Amino acid sequence: MKFTDLRNITRDSNIIETSVSAYMGATWEGIAAMNEWLKLGACDIREEREQGAYRLTAYLPYGVTDFEHDSAYALRLGLVGLEFATMYNGSVHLLAYIDPNCSSEFRVPEPEYNPMKLEGAYECSDCEDRHIIVPEDYYTPPFNKELYKEMRGKKIRILMAPPRNKD
């Protein structure tokens, strides 16, 4: 599992920051070891049709679409067992598990992922407001089988908060 910072390609990262950390086992004291995994801008969490199944999503910047002009994703992650942990100082903490039975919803990119810079991305000439259209196979990030095998079923912590002051 590599740390992946997608704030530069996700919406509203100047307003909200989403951090996803994964529980990767226990330390010798029995305290859960947690590694920061993902850093994103604004994210949505929605319940799917199947009760108890959720989806964490982050979109590419406003106006970046696929050829059908649907907003393109920077990340899509299937979750189960979502629970509220705490809320304080403008931050919300949630706990969940990566859905171990839904690889189609595991669209987590590698570090440096940016479909807007891939060969085949282009500026739409049909719309009054010019915008980027990503290559056809990049409406969502590609499925990463090895990363899914490593992360499926892992417990994660999701923290949504205003960006920290970097000073």
C-alpha atoms as a PDB file:
ATOM      1  CA  MET A   1       0.000   0.000   0.000  1.00  0.00           C
ATOM      2  CA  LYS A   2       1.491   3.296  -1.143  1.00  0.00           C
ATOM      3  CA  PHE A   3       0.439   6.671   0.204  1.00  0.00           C
ATOM      4  CA  THR A   4      -1.510   8.430  -2.545  1.00  0.00           C
ATOM      5  CA  ASP A   5      -2.176  12.172  -2.488  1.00  0.00           C
ATOM      6  CA  LEU A   6      -4.940  13.097  -4.940  1.00  0.00           C
ATOM      7  CA  ARG A   7      -5.703  16.598  -3.659  1.00  0.00           C
ATOM      8  CA  ASN A   8      -4.314  18.149  -6.842  1.00  0.00           C
ATOM      9  CA  ILE A   9      -6.906  16.322  -8.994  1.00  0.00           C
ATOM     10  CA  THR A  10      -9.962  16.264  -6.686  1.00  0.00           C
ATOM     11  CA  ARG A  11     -12.620  18.908  -6.193  1.00  0.00           C
ATOM     12  CA  ASP A  12     -12.522  21.557  -3.501  1.00  0.00           C
ATOM     13  CA  SER A  13      -9.296  20.437  -1.827  1.00  0.00           C
ATOM     14  CA  ASN A  14      -8.794  24.060  -0.779  1.00  0.00           C
ATOM     15  CA  ILE A  15     -12.050  23.855   1.240  1.00  0.00           C
ATOM     16  CA  ILE A  16     -12.111  20.301   2.570  1.00  0.00           C
ATOM     17  CA  GLU A  17      -9.559  17.559   2.989  1.00  0.00           C
ATOM     18  CA  THR A  18     -10.385  13.869   3.244  1.00  0.00           C
ATOM     19  CA  SER A  19      -7.850  11.470   4.727  1.00  0.00           C
ATOM     20  CA  VAL A  20      -8.218   7.705   4.605  1.00  0.00           C
ATOM     21  CA  SER A  21      -6.050   5.607   6.905  1.00  0.00           C
ATOM     22  CA  ALA A  22      -5.958   1.819   6.940  1.00  0.00           C
ATOM     23  CA  TYR A  23      -5.553  -0.495   9.923  1.00  0.00           C
ATOM     24  CA  MET A  24      -2.735  -2.784   8.873  1.00  0.00           C
ATOM     25  CA  GLY A  25      -2.386  -5.017  11.923  1.00  0.00           C
ATOM     26  CA  ALA A  26      -1.385  -4.607  15.543  1.00  0.00           C
ATOM     27  CA  THR A  27       1.785  -3.385  17.178  1.00  0.00           C
ATOM     28  CA  TRP A  28       3.508  -5.421  19.865  1.00  0.00           C
ATOM     29  CA  GLU A  29       1.488  -3.507  22.514  1.00  0.00           C
ATOM     30  CA  GLY A  30      -1.719  -4.684  20.861  1.00  0.00           C
ATOM     31  CA  ILE A  31      -2.592  -1.188  19.645  1.00  0.00           C
ATOM     32  CA  ALA A  32      -3.848  -1.101  16.070  1.00  0.00           C
ATOM     33  CA  ALA A  33      -1.261   0.150  13.595  1.00  0.00           C
ATOM     34  CA  MET A  34      -2.799   2.626  11.199  1.00  0.00           C
ATOM     35  CA  ASN A  35      -1.153   3.923   8.027  1.00  0.00           C
ATOM     36  CA  GLU A  36      -2.300   6.993   6.127  1.00  0.00           C
ATOM     37  CA  TRP A  37      -3.262   5.732   2.697  1.00  0.00           C
ATOM     38  CA  LEU A  38      -5.189   8.379   0.756  1.00  0.00           C
ATOM     39  CA  LYS A  39      -5.447  12.156   0.817  1.00  0.00           C
ATOM     40  CA  LEU A  40      -8.240  13.748  -1.218  1.00  0.00           C
ATOM     41  CA  GLY A  41     -10.325  16.873  -1.542  1.00  0.00           C
ATOM     42  CA  ALA A  42     -14.107  16.748  -1.216  1.00  0.00           C
ATOM     43  CA  CYS A  43     -15.663  13.262  -1.098  1.00  0.00           C
ATOM     44  CA  ASP A  44     -19.158  11.839  -1.011  1.00  0.00           C
ATOM     45  CA  ILE A  45     -20.343   8.757   0.853  1.00  0.00           C
ATOM     46  CA  ARG A  46     -23.614   7.294  -0.359  1.00  0.00           C
ATOM     47  CA  GLU A  47     -25.542   4.210   0.596  1.00  0.00           C
ATOM     48  CA  GLU A  48     -25.937   1.796  -2.266  1.00  0.00           C
ATOM     49  CA  ARG A  49     -29.103  -0.123  -3.119  1.00  0.00           C
ATOM     50  CA  GLU A  50     -27.968  -3.017  -0.973  1.00  0.00           C
ATOM     51  CA  GLN A  51     -28.462  -2.092   2.686  1.00  0.00           C
ATOM     52  CA  GLY A  52     -25.157  -1.829   4.486  1.00  0.00           C
ATOM     53  CA  ALA A  53     -23.137  -1.169   1.322  1.00  0.00           C
ATOM     54  CA  TYR A  54     -21.686   2.293   0.723  1.00  0.00           C
ATOM     55  CA  ARG A  55     -19.495   4.038  -1.801  1.00  0.00           C
ATOM     56  CA  LEU A  56     -16.837   6.660  -1.108  1.00  0.00           C
ATOM     57  CA  THR A  57     -16.294   8.810  -4.195  1.00  0.00           C
ATOM     58  CA  ALA A  58     -14.121  11.725  -5.202  1.00  0.00           C
ATOM     59  CA  TYR A  59     -14.540  13.503  -8.507  1.00  0.00           C
ATOM     60  CA  LEU A  60     -12.027  15.103 -10.809  1.00  0.00           C
ATOM     61  CA  PRO A  61     -12.257  18.939 -10.948  1.00  0.00           C
ATOM     62  CA  TYR A  62     -15.501  20.575 -12.059  1.00  0.00           C
ATOM     63  CA  GLY A  63     -15.973  20.283 -15.812  1.00  0.00           C
ATOM     64  CA  VAL A  64     -13.698  17.261 -16.330  1.00  0.00           C
ATOM     65  CA  THR A  65     -15.887  14.629 -17.984  1.00  0.00           C
ATOM     66  CA  ASP A  66     -15.991  11.493 -20.065  1.00  0.00           C
ATOM     67  CA  PHE A  67     -17.071  11.620 -23.720  1.00  0.00           C
ATOM     68  CA  GLU A  68     -20.751  11.535 -22.631  1.00  0.00           C
ATOM     69  CA  HIS A  69     -20.152  14.631 -20.483  1.00  0.00           C
ATOM     70  CA  ASP A  70     -20.619  12.776 -17.168  1.00  0.00           C
ATOM     71  CA  SER A  71     -18.366  13.943 -14.335  1.00  0.00           C
ATOM     72  CA  ALA A  72     -15.293  11.724 -14.151  1.00  0.00           C
ATOM     73  CA  TYR A  73     -14.086  10.093 -10.935  1.00  0.00           C
ATOM     74  CA  ALA A  74     -10.710  10.424  -9.235  1.00  0.00           C
ATOM     75  CA  LEU A  75     -11.613   7.545  -6.886  1.00  0.00           C
ATOM     76  CA  ARG A  76     -14.436   5.091  -6.161  1.00  0.00           C
ATOM     77  CA  LEU A  77     -14.251   2.791  -3.160  1.00  0.00           C
ATOM     78  CA  GLY A  78     -16.872   0.284  -2.008  1.00  0.00           C
ATOM     79  CA  LEU A  79     -17.392   0.138   1.755  1.00  0.00           C
ATOM     80  CA  VAL A  80     -19.317  -1.960   4.263  1.00  0.00           C
ATOM     81  CA  GLY A  81     -19.893  -1.584   7.991  1.00  0.00           C
ATOM     82  CA  LEU A  82     -19.797   2.210   7.910  1.00  0.00           C
ATOM     83  CA  GLU A  83     -20.134   3.773  11.349  1.00  0.00           C
ATOM     84  CA  PHE A  84     -19.902   7.244  12.802  1.00  0.00           C
ATOM     85  CA  ALA A  85     -16.946   7.554  15.171  1.00  0.00           C
ATOM     86  CA  THR A  86     -16.813  11.178  16.297  1.00  0.00           C
ATOM     87  CA  MET A  87     -17.153  14.801  15.267  1.00  0.00           C
ATOM     88  CA  TYR A  88     -15.199  17.695  16.718  1.00  0.00           C
ATOM     89  CA  ASN A  89     -13.647  21.028  15.676  1.00  0.00           C
ATOM     90  CA  GLY A  90     -15.297  20.839  12.255  1.00  0.00           C
ATOM     91  CA  SER A  91     -14.040  17.353  11.484  1.00  0.00           C
ATOM     92  CA  VAL A  92     -15.999  14.140  11.007  1.00  0.00           C
ATOM     93  CA  HIS A  93     -14.440  10.730  11.725  1.00  0.00           C
ATOM     94  CA  LEU A  94     -15.973   7.586  10.237  1.00  0.00           C
ATOM     95  CA  LEU A  95     -14.939   3.933  10.394  1.00  0.00           C
ATOM     96  CA  ALA A  96     -15.653   1.356   7.704  1.00  0.00           C
ATOM     97  CA  TYR A  97     -14.304  -1.737   5.964  1.00  0.00           C
ATOM     98  CA  ILE A  98     -13.314  -2.009   2.332  1.00  0.00           C
ATOM     99  CA  ASP A  99     -15.948  -4.189   0.720  1.00  0.00           C
ATOM    100  CA  PRO A 100     -14.285  -7.603   0.331  1.00  0.00           C
ATOM    101  CA  ASN A 101     -16.891  -8.809  -2.174  1.00  0.00           C
ATOM    102  CA  CYS A 102     -17.122  -5.952  -4.644  1.00  0.00           C
ATOM    103  CA  SER A 103     -13.980  -5.501  -6.703  1.00  0.00           C
ATOM    104  CA  SER A 104     -15.924  -3.486  -9.310  1.00  0.00           C
ATOM    105  CA  GLU A 105     -16.196  -0.650  -6.774  1.00  0.00           C
ATOM    106  CA  PHE A 106     -12.469  -0.653  -5.981  1.00  0.00           C
ATOM    107  CA  ARG A 107     -11.185   2.108  -8.255  1.00  0.00           C
ATOM    108  CA  VAL A 108      -8.246   3.465  -6.301  1.00  0.00           C
ATOM    109  CA  PRO A 109      -5.472   4.962  -8.433  1.00  0.00           C
ATOM    110  CA  GLU A 110      -1.724   4.791  -8.016  1.00  0.00           C
ATOM    111  CA  PRO A 111       0.247   7.847  -6.851  1.00  0.00           C
ATOM    112  CA  GLU A 112       0.771  10.413  -9.641  1.00  0.00           C
ATOM    113  CA  TYR A 113      -2.535   9.408 -11.314  1.00  0.00           C
ATOM    114  CA  ASN A 114      -3.894  12.195 -13.499  1.00  0.00           C
ATOM    115  CA  PRO A 115      -6.159  11.163 -16.398  1.00  0.00           C
ATOM    116  CA  MET A 116      -6.338  14.796 -17.557  1.00  0.00           C
ATOM    117  CA  LYS A 117      -2.699  14.503 -18.690  1.00  0.00           C
ATOM    118  CA  LEU A 118      -2.979  11.092 -20.349  1.00  0.00           C
ATOM    119  CA  GLU A 119      -2.613  10.606 -24.069  1.00  0.00           C
ATOM    120  CA  GLY A 120      -6.135  10.791 -25.464  1.00  0.00           C
ATOM    121  CA  ALA A 121      -7.386  13.496 -23.079  1.00  0.00           C
ATOM    122  CA  TYR A 122      -8.578  16.546 -24.990  1.00  0.00           C
ATOM    123  CA  GLU A 123     -10.426  19.831 -24.667  1.00  0.00           C
ATOM    124  CA  CYS A 124     -14.071  19.670 -25.720  1.00  0.00           C
ATOM    125  CA  SER A 125     -14.777  21.927 -28.693  1.00  0.00           C
ATOM    126  CA  ASP A 126     -18.560  21.361 -28.717  1.00  0.00           C
ATOM    127  CA  CYS A 127     -19.336  23.196 -25.473  1.00  0.00           C
ATOM    128  CA  GLU A 128     -19.331  26.933 -24.856  1.00  0.00           C
ATOM    129  CA  ASP A 129     -17.399  26.368 -21.628  1.00  0.00           C
ATOM    130  CA  ARG A 130     -14.218  24.588 -22.666  1.00  0.00           C
ATOM    131  CA  HIS A 131     -13.432  21.560 -20.501  1.00  0.00           C
ATOM    132  CA  ILE A 132     -11.249  18.454 -20.468  1.00  0.00           C
ATOM    133  CA  ILE A 133     -12.563  15.084 -21.647  1.00  0.00           C
ATOM    134  CA  VAL A 134     -10.593  12.143 -20.254  1.00  0.00           C
ATOM    135  CA  PRO A 135      -9.786   9.077 -22.371  1.00  0.00           C
ATOM    136  CA  GLU A 136     -12.670   6.589 -22.610  1.00  0.00           C
ATOM    137  CA  ASP A 137     -11.212   3.995 -20.228  1.00  0.00           C
ATOM    138  CA  TYR A 138     -10.552   6.598 -17.501  1.00  0.00           C
ATOM    139  CA  TYR A 139     -14.076   7.623 -16.431  1.00  0.00           C
ATOM    140  CA  THR A 140     -13.011   5.849 -13.239  1.00  0.00           C
ATOM    141  CA  PRO A 141      -9.455   4.874 -12.358  1.00  0.00           C
ATOM    142  CA  PRO A 142      -8.452   1.428 -13.596  1.00  0.00           C
ATOM    143  CA  PHE A 143      -8.945  -1.579 -11.324  1.00  0.00           C
ATOM    144  CA  ASN A 144      -5.743  -2.495  -9.491  1.00  0.00           C
ATOM    145  CA  LYS A 145      -5.990  -6.212  -8.741  1.00  0.00           C
ATOM    146  CA  GLU A 146      -2.868  -6.385  -6.548  1.00  0.00           C
ATOM    147  CA  LEU A 147      -3.893  -3.398  -4.414  1.00  0.00           C
ATOM    148  CA  TYR A 148      -7.394  -4.829  -4.047  1.00  0.00           C
ATOM    149  CA  LYS A 149      -5.981  -8.156  -2.850  1.00  0.00           C
ATOM    150  CA  GLU A 150      -3.902  -6.294  -0.265  1.00  0.00           C
ATOM    151  CA  MET A 151      -6.685  -3.970   0.937  1.00  0.00           C
ATOM    152  CA  ARG A 152      -9.948  -5.937   0.641  1.00  0.00           C
ATOM    153  CA  GLY A 153     -11.705  -6.266   3.970  1.00  0.00           C
ATOM    154  CA  LYS A 154      -9.313  -3.850   5.737  1.00  0.00           C
ATOM    155  CA  LYS A 155     -10.710  -1.517   8.358  1.00  0.00           C
ATOM    156  CA  ILE A 156     -10.274   2.139   7.463  1.00  0.00           C
ATOM    157  CA  ARG A 157     -10.736   5.489   9.149  1.00  0.00           C
ATOM    158  CA  ILE A 158     -12.094   8.375   7.094  1.00  0.00           C
ATOM    159  CA  LEU A 159     -11.468  11.906   8.329  1.00  0.00           C
ATOM    160  CA  MET A 160     -13.176  14.843   6.625  1.00  0.00           C
ATOM    161  CA  ALA A 161     -12.098  18.288   7.810  1.00  0.00           C
ATOM    162  CA  PRO A 162     -11.075  21.748   6.661  1.00  0.00           C
ATOM    163  CA  PRO A 163      -7.478  21.673   5.391  1.00  0.00           C
ATOM    164  CA  ARG A 164      -4.909  22.070   8.129  1.00  0.00           C
ATOM    165  CA  ASN A 165      -2.960  25.275   8.273  1.00  0.00           C
ATOM    166  CA  LYS A 166       0.406  24.364   6.780  1.00  0.00           C
ATOM    167  CA  ASP A 167       2.304  27.096   8.682  1.00  0.00           C
END
